[in-house]
C-alpha atoms as a PDB file:
ATOM      1  CA  UNK A   1      39.210 -60.803  -1.959  1.00  0.00           C
ATOM      2  CA  UNK A   2      36.381 -61.184   0.587  1.00  0.00           C
ATOM      3  CA  UNK A   3      36.595 -62.981   3.911  1.00  0.00           C
ATOM      4  CA  UNK A   4      33.790 -64.391   6.000  1.00  0.00           C
ATOM      5  CA  UNK A   5      33.587 -63.166   9.591  1.00  0.00           C
ATOM      6  CA  UNK A   6      34.904 -66.538  10.778  1.00  0.00           C
ATOM      7  CA  UNK A   7      37.795 -66.388   8.291  1.00  0.00           C
ATOM      8  CA  UNK A   8      38.665 -62.818   9.235  1.00  0.00           C
ATOM      9  CA  UNK A   9      38.649 -63.737  12.911  1.00  0.00           C
ATOM     10  CA  UNK A  10      41.066 -66.643  12.311  1.00  0.00           C
ATOM     11  CA  UNK A  11      43.441 -64.423  10.310  1.00  0.00           C
ATOM     12  CA  UNK A  12      43.401 -61.734  13.016  1.00  0.00           C
ATOM     13  CA  UNK A  13      43.932 -64.354  15.723  1.00  0.00           C
ATOM     14  CA  UNK A  14      46.956 -65.802  13.904  1.00  0.00           C
ATOM     15  CA  UNK A  15      48.479 -62.329  13.433  1.00  0.00           C
ATOM     16  CA  UNK A  16      47.931 -61.569  17.112  1.00  0.00           C
ATOM     17  CA  UNK A  17      49.349 -64.949  18.132  1.00  0.00           C
ATOM     18  CA  UNK A  18      52.483 -64.428  16.028  1.00  0.00           C
ATOM     19  CA  UNK A  19      53.112 -61.046  17.627  1.00  0.00           C
ATOM     20  CA  UNK A  20      52.692 -62.540  21.107  1.00  0.00           C
ATOM     21  CA  UNK A  21      55.074 -65.403  20.302  1.00  0.00           C
ATOM     22  CA  UNK A  22      57.668 -62.924  19.028  1.00  0.00           C
ATOM     23  CA  UNK A  23      57.781 -61.066  22.358  1.00  0.00           C
ATOM     24  CA  UNK A  24      60.714 -62.197  24.431  1.00  0.00           C
ATOM     25  CA  UNK A  25      62.003 -64.492  21.693  1.00  0.00           C
ATOM     26  CA  UNK A  26      65.537 -63.098  21.341  1.00  0.00           C
ATOM     27  CA  UNK A  27      66.236 -63.060  25.056  1.00  0.00           C
ATOM     28  CA  UNK A  28      65.180 -66.696  25.317  1.00  0.00           C
ATOM     29  CA  UNK A  29      67.200 -67.694  22.228  1.00  0.00           C
ATOM     30  CA  UNK A  30      70.356 -66.073  23.612  1.00  0.00           C
ATOM     31  CA  UNK A  31      69.726 -67.671  26.995  1.00  0.00           C
ATOM     32  CA  UNK A  32      69.434 -71.073  25.356  1.00  0.00           C
ATOM     33  CA  UNK A  33      72.265 -70.819  22.801  1.00  0.00           C
ATOM     34  CA  UNK A  34      74.757 -68.731  24.763  1.00  0.00           C
ATOM     35  CA  UNK A  35      75.530 -66.818  21.543  1.00  0.00           C
ATOM     36  CA  UNK A  36      74.862 -63.157  20.776  1.00  0.00           C
ATOM     37  CA  UNK A  37      74.790 -62.293  17.080  1.00  0.00           C
ATOM     38  CA  UNK A  38      75.871 -58.671  16.672  1.00  0.00           C
ATOM     39  CA  UNK A  39      75.743 -56.726  13.424  1.00  0.00           C
ATOM     40  CA  UNK A  40      78.883 -54.627  12.894  1.00  0.00           C
ATOM     41  CA  UNK A  41      80.149 -52.539  10.007  1.00  0.00           C
ATOM     42  CA  UNK A  42      83.540 -53.400   8.549  1.00  0.00           C
ATOM     43  CA  UNK A  43      84.793 -50.312   6.705  1.00  0.00           C
ATOM     44  CA  UNK A  44      84.095 -47.372   9.005  1.00  0.00           C
ATOM     45  CA  UNK A  45      87.245 -45.960  10.603  1.00  0.00           C
ATOM     46  CA  UNK A  46      87.648 -45.929  13.588  1.00  0.00           C
ATOM     47  CA  UNK A  47      84.256 -47.345  14.520  1.00  0.00           C
ATOM     48  CA  UNK A  48      84.435 -50.836  13.007  1.00  0.00           C
ATOM     49  CA  UNK A  49      86.876 -51.784  10.266  1.00  0.00           C
ATOM     50  CA  UNK A  50      89.322 -54.415   9.035  1.00  0.00           C
ATOM     51  CA  UNK A  51      92.875 -53.262   9.708  1.00  0.00           C
ATOM     52  CA  UNK A  52      96.080 -54.045   7.804  1.00  0.00           C
ATOM     53  CA  UNK A  53      96.531 -57.249   9.822  1.00  0.00           C
ATOM     54  CA  UNK A  54      93.055 -58.375   8.691  1.00  0.00           C
ATOM     55  CA  UNK A  55      91.699 -57.893  12.203  1.00  0.00           C
ATOM     56  CA  UNK A  56      88.200 -56.588  12.867  1.00  0.00           C
ATOM     57  CA  UNK A  57      88.779 -53.633  15.203  1.00  0.00           C
ATOM     58  CA  UNK A  58      87.280 -50.324  16.287  1.00  0.00           C
ATOM     59  CA  UNK A  59      85.275 -48.534  18.941  1.00  0.00           C
ATOM     60  CA  UNK A  60      82.056 -50.419  18.239  1.00  0.00           C
ATOM     61  CA  UNK A  61      83.876 -53.753  17.961  1.00  0.00           C
ATOM     62  CA  UNK A  62      85.260 -53.208  21.462  1.00  0.00           C
ATOM     63  CA  UNK A  63      81.828 -52.068  22.667  1.00  0.00           C
ATOM     64  CA  UNK A  64      80.309 -55.274  21.291  1.00  0.00           C
ATOM     65  CA  UNK A  65      82.836 -57.389  23.188  1.00  0.00           C
ATOM     66  CA  UNK A  66      82.224 -55.430  26.397  1.00  0.00           C
ATOM     67  CA  UNK A  67      78.462 -55.653  25.952  1.00  0.00           C
ATOM     68  CA  UNK A  68      78.505 -59.448  25.671  1.00  0.00           C
ATOM     69  CA  UNK A  69      80.772 -59.692  28.729  1.00  0.00           C
ATOM     70  CA  UNK A  70      78.352 -57.575  30.797  1.00  0.00           C
ATOM     71  CA  UNK A  71      75.201 -59.224  29.393  1.00  0.00           C
ATOM     72  CA  UNK A  72      75.982 -62.563  31.028  1.00  0.00           C
ATOM     73  CA  UNK A  73      74.943 -61.085  34.376  1.00  0.00           C
ATOM     74  CA  UNK A  74      71.414 -60.562  33.057  1.00  0.00           C
ATOM     75  CA  UNK A  75      71.137 -63.607  30.814  1.00  0.00           C
ATOM     76  CA  UNK A  76      72.448 -65.865  33.554  1.00  0.00           C
ATOM     77  CA  UNK A  77      75.205 -67.716  31.673  1.00  0.00           C
ATOM     78  CA  UNK A  78      78.507 -67.291  29.849  1.00  0.00           C
ATOM     79  CA  UNK A  79      78.058 -65.827  26.384  1.00  0.00           C
ATOM     80  CA  UNK A  80      79.996 -65.802  23.131  1.00  0.00           C
ATOM     81  CA  UNK A  81      79.837 -63.189  20.406  1.00  0.00           C
ATOM     82  CA  UNK A  82      79.131 -63.920  16.759  1.00  0.00           C
ATOM     83  CA  UNK A  83      80.075 -60.966  14.575  1.00  0.00           C
ATOM     84  CA  UNK A  84      77.926 -60.423  11.502  1.00  0.00           C
ATOM     85  CA  UNK A  85      78.869 -57.929   8.787  1.00  0.00           C
ATOM     86  CA  UNK A  86      76.248 -55.282   8.101  1.00  0.00           C
ATOM     87  CA  UNK A  87      76.311 -51.999   6.212  1.00  0.00           C
ATOM     88  CA  UNK A  88      74.157 -48.892   5.900  1.00  0.00           C
ATOM     89  CA  UNK A  89      71.664 -50.831   3.769  1.00  0.00           C
ATOM     90  CA  UNK A  90      71.394 -54.005   5.903  1.00  0.00           C
ATOM     91  CA  UNK A  91      71.901 -52.897   9.516  1.00  0.00           C
ATOM     92  CA  UNK A  92      68.148 -52.398  10.033  1.00  0.00           C
ATOM     93  CA  UNK A  93      66.840 -55.235   7.857  1.00  0.00           C
ATOM     94  CA  UNK A  94      69.093 -57.791   9.588  1.00  0.00           C
ATOM     95  CA  UNK A  95      67.612 -56.834  12.956  1.00  0.00           C
ATOM     96  CA  UNK A  96      64.071 -56.786  11.559  1.00  0.00           C
ATOM     97  CA  UNK A  97      64.428 -60.201   9.899  1.00  0.00           C
ATOM     98  CA  UNK A  98      66.149 -61.844  12.872  1.00  0.00           C
ATOM     99  CA  UNK A  99      69.551 -62.363  11.241  1.00  0.00           C
ATOM    100  CA  UNK A 100      71.179 -60.561  14.170  1.00  0.00           C
ATOM    101  CA  UNK A 101      70.155 -60.073  17.789  1.00  0.00           C
ATOM    102  CA  UNK A 102      71.284 -56.456  17.781  1.00  0.00           C
ATOM    103  CA  UNK A 103      73.168 -54.042  15.575  1.00  0.00           C
ATOM    104  CA  UNK A 104      75.951 -51.722  16.740  1.00  0.00           C
ATOM    105  CA  UNK A 105      76.538 -49.785  13.548  1.00  0.00           C
ATOM    106  CA  UNK A 106      76.879 -45.996  13.796  1.00  0.00           C
ATOM    107  CA  UNK A 107      73.098 -45.782  13.735  1.00  0.00           C
ATOM    108  CA  UNK A 108      71.300 -42.625  14.774  1.00  0.00           C
ATOM    109  CA  UNK A 109      68.067 -43.301  16.633  1.00  0.00           C
ATOM    110  CA  UNK A 110      65.368 -41.625  14.548  1.00  0.00           C
ATOM    111  CA  UNK A 111      61.579 -41.746  14.711  1.00  0.00           C
ATOM    112  CA  UNK A 112      61.453 -43.139  11.173  1.00  0.00           C
ATOM    113  CA  UNK A 113      63.794 -46.027  12.009  1.00  0.00           C
ATOM    114  CA  UNK A 114      61.864 -46.670  15.204  1.00  0.00           C
ATOM    115  CA  UNK A 115      58.906 -47.710  13.044  1.00  0.00           C
ATOM    116  CA  UNK A 116      60.828 -50.861  12.085  1.00  0.00           C
ATOM    117  CA  UNK A 117      63.083 -51.736  15.031  1.00  0.00           C
ATOM    118  CA  UNK A 118      63.630 -50.766  18.649  1.00  0.00           C
ATOM    119  CA  UNK A 119      66.686 -49.005  20.012  1.00  0.00           C
ATOM    120  CA  UNK A 120      68.781 -49.095  23.142  1.00  0.00           C
ATOM    121  CA  UNK A 121      69.589 -46.002  25.139  1.00  0.00           C
ATOM    122  CA  UNK A 122      72.059 -43.654  23.461  1.00  0.00           C
ATOM    123  CA  UNK A 123      75.609 -44.987  23.766  1.00  0.00           C
ATOM    124  CA  UNK A 124      77.424 -42.423  21.592  1.00  0.00           C
ATOM    125  CA  UNK A 125      76.702 -38.805  20.657  1.00  0.00           C
ATOM    126  CA  UNK A 126      77.818 -37.295  17.384  1.00  0.00           C
ATOM    127  CA  UNK A 127      76.782 -34.664  14.853  1.00  0.00           C
ATOM    128  CA  UNK A 128      77.123 -34.086  11.141  1.00  0.00           C
ATOM    129  CA  UNK A 129      79.868 -31.897   9.715  1.00  0.00           C
ATOM    130  CA  UNK A 130      81.458 -31.193   6.361  1.00  0.00           C
ATOM    131  CA  UNK A 131      84.903 -32.459   5.373  1.00  0.00           C
ATOM    132  CA  UNK A 132      86.941 -30.830   2.616  1.00  0.00           C
ATOM    133  CA  UNK A 133      90.501 -30.526   1.367  1.00  0.00           C
ATOM    134  CA  UNK A 134      92.489 -28.359   3.765  1.00  0.00           C
ATOM    135  CA  UNK A 135      92.641 -24.655   2.978  1.00  0.00           C
ATOM    136  CA  UNK A 136      89.927 -24.654   0.309  1.00  0.00           C
ATOM    137  CA  UNK A 137      87.049 -23.403   2.457  1.00  0.00           C
ATOM    138  CA  UNK A 138      86.859 -21.225   5.567  1.00  0.00           C
ATOM    139  CA  UNK A 139      83.155 -21.250   6.450  1.00  0.00           C
ATOM    140  CA  UNK A 140      79.942 -23.039   5.553  1.00  0.00           C
ATOM    141  CA  UNK A 141      78.788 -20.251   3.240  1.00  0.00           C
ATOM    142  CA  UNK A 142      81.755 -21.074   0.999  1.00  0.00           C
ATOM    143  CA  UNK A 143      80.042 -24.298  -0.077  1.00  0.00           C
ATOM    144  CA  UNK A 144      77.284 -22.457  -1.941  1.00  0.00           C
ATOM    145  CA  UNK A 145      77.282 -23.779  -5.489  1.00  0.00           C
ATOM    146  CA  UNK A 146      79.714 -26.599  -4.652  1.00  0.00           C
ATOM    147  CA  UNK A 147      79.189 -30.335  -5.088  1.00  0.00           C
ATOM    148  CA  UNK A 148      79.001 -32.582  -2.021  1.00  0.00           C
ATOM    149  CA  UNK A 149      78.677 -36.318  -1.480  1.00  0.00           C
ATOM    150  CA  UNK A 150      76.597 -38.169   1.109  1.00  0.00           C
ATOM    151  CA  UNK A 151      76.187 -41.853   1.910  1.00  0.00           C
ATOM    152  CA  UNK A 152      72.988 -43.670   1.002  1.00  0.00           C
ATOM    153  CA  UNK A 153      70.770 -44.929   3.825  1.00  0.00           C
ATOM    154  CA  UNK A 154      72.166 -42.532   6.428  1.00  0.00           C
ATOM    155  CA  UNK A 155      70.782 -39.549   8.300  1.00  0.00           C
ATOM    156  CA  UNK A 156      73.128 -37.489   6.136  1.00  0.00           C
ATOM    157  CA  UNK A 157      70.992 -38.520   3.170  1.00  0.00           C
ATOM    158  CA  UNK A 158      67.769 -37.883   5.102  1.00  0.00           C
ATOM    159  CA  UNK A 159      68.873 -34.382   6.071  1.00  0.00           C
ATOM    160  CA  UNK A 160      70.979 -33.476   3.033  1.00  0.00           C
ATOM    161  CA  UNK A 161      68.513 -31.093   1.374  1.00  0.00           C
ATOM    162  CA  UNK A 162      67.695 -29.380   4.674  1.00  0.00           C
ATOM    163  CA  UNK A 163      71.352 -28.949   5.634  1.00  0.00           C
ATOM    164  CA  UNK A 164      72.546 -27.884   2.201  1.00  0.00           C
ATOM    165  CA  UNK A 165      69.731 -25.351   1.977  1.00  0.00           C
ATOM    166  CA  UNK A 166      70.749 -23.992   5.377  1.00  0.00           C
ATOM    167  CA  UNK A 167      74.329 -23.399   4.284  1.00  0.00           C
ATOM    168  CA  UNK A 168      73.267 -21.711   1.069  1.00  0.00           C
ATOM    169  CA  UNK A 169      73.843 -24.372  -1.585  1.00  0.00           C
ATOM    170  CA  UNK A 170      71.916 -23.135  -4.620  1.00  0.00           C
ATOM    171  CA  UNK A 171      70.689 -26.553  -5.773  1.00  0.00           C
ATOM    172  CA  UNK A 172      70.515 -28.613  -2.554  1.00  0.00           C
ATOM    173  CA  UNK A 173      68.821 -31.517  -4.327  1.00  0.00           C
ATOM    174  CA  UNK A 174      71.940 -32.031  -6.434  1.00  0.00           C
ATOM    175  CA  UNK A 175      74.624 -34.044  -4.676  1.00  0.00           C
ATOM    176  CA  UNK A 176      76.377 -37.332  -5.320  1.00  0.00           C
ATOM    177  CA  UNK A 177      74.810 -40.203  -3.404  1.00  0.00           C
ATOM    178  CA  UNK A 178      77.370 -42.933  -2.711  1.00  0.00           C
ATOM    179  CA  UNK A 179      76.592 -46.443  -1.482  1.00  0.00           C
ATOM    180  CA  UNK A 180      79.461 -46.718   1.007  1.00  0.00           C
ATOM    181  CA  UNK A 181      81.673 -44.440   3.085  1.00  0.00           C
ATOM    182  CA  UNK A 182      84.700 -45.650   1.160  1.00  0.00           C
ATOM    183  CA  UNK A 183      83.119 -44.370  -2.064  1.00  0.00           C
ATOM    184  CA  UNK A 184      82.510 -40.969  -0.459  1.00  0.00           C
ATOM    185  CA  UNK A 185      86.139 -40.838   0.582  1.00  0.00           C
ATOM    186  CA  UNK A 186      87.379 -41.719  -2.902  1.00  0.00           C
ATOM    187  CA  UNK A 187      85.155 -39.074  -4.487  1.00  0.00           C
ATOM    188  CA  UNK A 188      86.630 -36.420  -2.207  1.00  0.00           C
ATOM    189  CA  UNK A 189      90.176 -37.715  -2.557  1.00  0.00           C
ATOM    190  CA  UNK A 190      89.977 -37.626  -6.364  1.00  0.00           C
ATOM    191  CA  UNK A 191      88.398 -34.124  -6.425  1.00  0.00           C
ATOM    192  CA  UNK A 192      85.168 -35.428  -7.962  1.00  0.00           C
ATOM    193  CA  UNK A 193      83.315 -33.563  -5.209  1.00  0.00           C
ATOM    194  CA  UNK A 194      84.218 -30.513  -3.155  1.00  0.00           C
ATOM    195  CA  UNK A 195      83.187 -31.901   0.212  1.00  0.00           C
ATOM    196  CA  UNK A 196      81.664 -34.803   2.144  1.00  0.00           C
ATOM    197  CA  UNK A 197      78.723 -34.559   4.561  1.00  0.00           C
ATOM    198  CA  UNK A 198      78.600 -37.185   7.335  1.00  0.00           C
ATOM    199  CA  UNK A 199      78.938 -37.734  11.086  1.00  0.00           C
ATOM    200  CA  UNK A 200      82.073 -36.084  12.452  1.00  0.00           C
ATOM    201  CA  UNK A 201      83.513 -39.299  13.940  1.00  0.00           C
ATOM    202  CA  UNK A 202      83.433 -40.945  10.509  1.00  0.00           C
ATOM    203  CA  UNK A 203      84.972 -37.925   8.799  1.00  0.00           C
ATOM    204  CA  UNK A 204      87.718 -37.709  11.430  1.00  0.00           C
ATOM    205  CA  UNK A 205      88.472 -41.394  10.913  1.00  0.00           C
ATOM    206  CA  UNK A 206      88.935 -41.142   7.162  1.00  0.00           C
ATOM    207  CA  UNK A 207      90.813 -37.841   7.270  1.00  0.00           C
ATOM    208  CA  UNK A 208      93.384 -39.571   9.498  1.00  0.00           C
ATOM    209  CA  UNK A 209      94.325 -41.802   6.556  1.00  0.00           C
ATOM    210  CA  UNK A 210      96.149 -38.804   5.087  1.00  0.00           C
ATOM    211  CA  UNK A 211      97.065 -36.530   8.022  1.00  0.00           C
ATOM    212  CA  UNK A 212      97.025 -32.822   7.239  1.00  0.00           C
ATOM    213  CA  UNK A 213      95.230 -33.162   3.915  1.00  0.00           C
ATOM    214  CA  UNK A 214      91.631 -32.633   5.075  1.00  0.00           C
ATOM    215  CA  UNK A 215      89.774 -30.508   7.613  1.00  0.00           C
ATOM    216  CA  UNK A 216      86.303 -30.193   9.097  1.00  0.00           C
ATOM    217  CA  UNK A 217      84.700 -26.872   8.177  1.00  0.00           C
ATOM    218  CA  UNK A 218      82.143 -25.065  10.320  1.00  0.00           C
ATOM    219  CA  UNK A 219      80.031 -26.094  13.281  1.00  0.00           C
ATOM    220  CA  UNK A 220      77.916 -29.191  13.832  1.00  0.00           C
ATOM    221  CA  UNK A 221      74.920 -29.309  11.503  1.00  0.00           C
ATOM    222  CA  UNK A 222      72.831 -31.862  13.378  1.00  0.00           C
ATOM    223  CA  UNK A 223      72.508 -33.972  16.499  1.00  0.00           C
ATOM    224  CA  UNK A 224      73.152 -37.700  16.013  1.00  0.00           C
ATOM    225  CA  UNK A 225      72.382 -39.883  19.071  1.00  0.00           C
ATOM    226  CA  UNK A 226      73.555 -43.436  18.330  1.00  0.00           C
ATOM    227  CA  UNK A 227      71.492 -46.354  19.610  1.00  0.00           C
ATOM    228  CA  UNK A 228      71.974 -50.107  19.280  1.00  0.00           C
ATOM    229  CA  UNK A 229      69.334 -51.534  16.958  1.00  0.00           C
ATOM    230  CA  UNK A 230      67.131 -54.158  18.629  1.00  0.00           C
ATOM    231  CA  UNK A 231      64.174 -56.319  17.560  1.00  0.00           C
ATOM    232  CA  UNK A 232      60.774 -54.918  18.402  1.00  0.00           C
ATOM    233  CA  UNK A 233      58.582 -56.148  21.252  1.00  0.00           C
ATOM    234  CA  UNK A 234      61.282 -57.841  23.287  1.00  0.00           C
ATOM    235  CA  UNK A 235      61.433 -55.861  26.503  1.00  0.00           C
ATOM    236  CA  UNK A 236      63.498 -58.498  28.362  1.00  0.00           C
ATOM    237  CA  UNK A 237      66.237 -58.310  25.732  1.00  0.00           C
ATOM    238  CA  UNK A 238      66.075 -54.510  25.486  1.00  0.00           C
ATOM    239  CA  UNK A 239      66.314 -54.167  29.276  1.00  0.00           C
ATOM    240  CA  UNK A 240      69.284 -56.530  29.444  1.00  0.00           C
ATOM    241  CA  UNK A 241      71.127 -54.557  26.746  1.00  0.00           C
ATOM    242  CA  UNK A 242      70.325 -51.217  28.401  1.00  0.00           C
ATOM    243  CA  UNK A 243      71.463 -52.459  31.804  1.00  0.00           C
ATOM    244  CA  UNK A 244      74.699 -53.792  30.302  1.00  0.00           C
ATOM    245  CA  UNK A 245      75.431 -50.484  28.533  1.00  0.00           C
ATOM    246  CA  UNK A 246      75.027 -48.625  31.821  1.00  0.00           C
ATOM    247  CA  UNK A 247      77.278 -51.126  33.606  1.00  0.00           C
ATOM    248  CA  UNK A 248      79.922 -50.553  30.936  1.00  0.00           C
ATOM    249  CA  UNK A 249      79.789 -46.857  31.761  1.00  0.00           C
ATOM    250  CA  UNK A 250      79.673 -47.248  35.527  1.00  0.00           C
ATOM    251  CA  UNK A 251      82.678 -49.577  35.852  1.00  0.00           C
ATOM    252  CA  UNK A 252      84.924 -47.418  33.644  1.00  0.00           C
ATOM    253  CA  UNK A 253      85.027 -49.780  30.670  1.00  0.00           C
ATOM    254  CA  UNK A 254      83.309 -47.258  28.413  1.00  0.00           C
ATOM    255  CA  UNK A 255      85.812 -44.491  29.132  1.00  0.00           C
ATOM    256  CA  UNK A 256      88.731 -46.844  28.485  1.00  0.00           C
ATOM    257  CA  UNK A 257      87.289 -47.862  25.113  1.00  0.00           C
ATOM    258  CA  UNK A 258      86.422 -44.271  24.199  1.00  0.00           C
ATOM    259  CA  UNK A 259      89.886 -42.967  25.029  1.00  0.00           C
ATOM    260  CA  UNK A 260      91.492 -45.807  23.087  1.00  0.00           C
ATOM    261  CA  UNK A 261      89.764 -44.719  19.878  1.00  0.00           C
ATOM    262  CA  UNK A 262      88.720 -41.073  20.371  1.00  0.00           C
ATOM    263  CA  UNK A 263      90.847 -39.811  23.264  1.00  0.00           C
ATOM    264  CA  UNK A 264      93.451 -37.010  23.031  1.00  0.00           C
ATOM    265  CA  UNK A 265      96.268 -39.530  22.526  1.00  0.00           C
ATOM    266  CA  UNK A 266      94.505 -41.339  19.681  1.00  0.00           C
ATOM    267  CA  UNK A 267      94.654 -40.635  15.950  1.00  0.00           C
ATOM    268  CA  UNK A 268      90.946 -39.768  15.931  1.00  0.00           C
ATOM    269  CA  UNK A 269      90.527 -37.222  18.730  1.00  0.00           C
ATOM    270  CA  UNK A 270      86.869 -36.361  19.359  1.00  0.00           C
ATOM    271  CA  UNK A 271      86.040 -34.695  22.695  1.00  0.00           C
ATOM    272  CA  UNK A 272      83.233 -36.484  24.496  1.00  0.00           C
ATOM    273  CA  UNK A 273      80.172 -34.223  24.496  1.00  0.00           C
ATOM    274  CA  UNK A 274      78.120 -35.883  27.242  1.00  0.00           C
ATOM    275  CA  UNK A 275      77.826 -38.998  29.366  1.00  0.00           C
ATOM    276  CA  UNK A 276      75.314 -41.685  28.488  1.00  0.00           C
ATOM    277  CA  UNK A 277      71.924 -42.020  30.174  1.00  0.00           C
ATOM    278  CA  UNK A 278      72.160 -43.667  33.594  1.00  0.00           C
ATOM    279  CA  UNK A 279      69.113 -44.930  35.441  1.00  0.00           C
ATOM    280  CA  UNK A 280      68.925 -44.761  39.263  1.00  0.00           C
END
């Protein structure tokens, strides 16, 4: 299809205009509505899940509540939270399409994902490990020739071949790709795979369902800095979220939430590796 110069100019102008109108849109919408729509997972223990009392709970659920409480200082009004269920396949698309204002969903900030959405500062640091039945494996080399499972749409999937090659798996391209973490867990539980590759916090959460039955084998295999997914080109909204995250750290709220879910007295003990980024 051919365009005249005048037609091409109009098309380019409309594209440019739409991108300008998008800037700042979420911040203004939240300011007007007083509602923050936050994408949260619902089956990742202990990050965000539905418990036996049918309550939506977890580290990231508490972080979402704290974030909205601290955001009112920057938005300039009282705010309410609207929780929206997302999963590994929708947590980015919901931000990109405007169905949520941000996503707090165990999401590693990667360069590839940054092509589609923006990210907050890192609010949680994790790394990938391998979970297996207790006593079956002693070191990573023992997984050579074994069958693992990874979750679709995760950095575990992105890095699976690289990691499995590193630990000596003979056919690293052969692994079972599951759609959800619960499927990965069932595959391991039913001995359909030998091990599960994912972020350590997720593996610790699911292994706690049957204490003493599973164990993490070997050292960390990657670095996974979690960021909150944000719409692109909205610096006012991104700044407000970043400021609120730092306030949550500075006033002690973050440590209280962390210890509740990952502290030494919790069922999901995960030593904190570093503090979050704080701006002067």
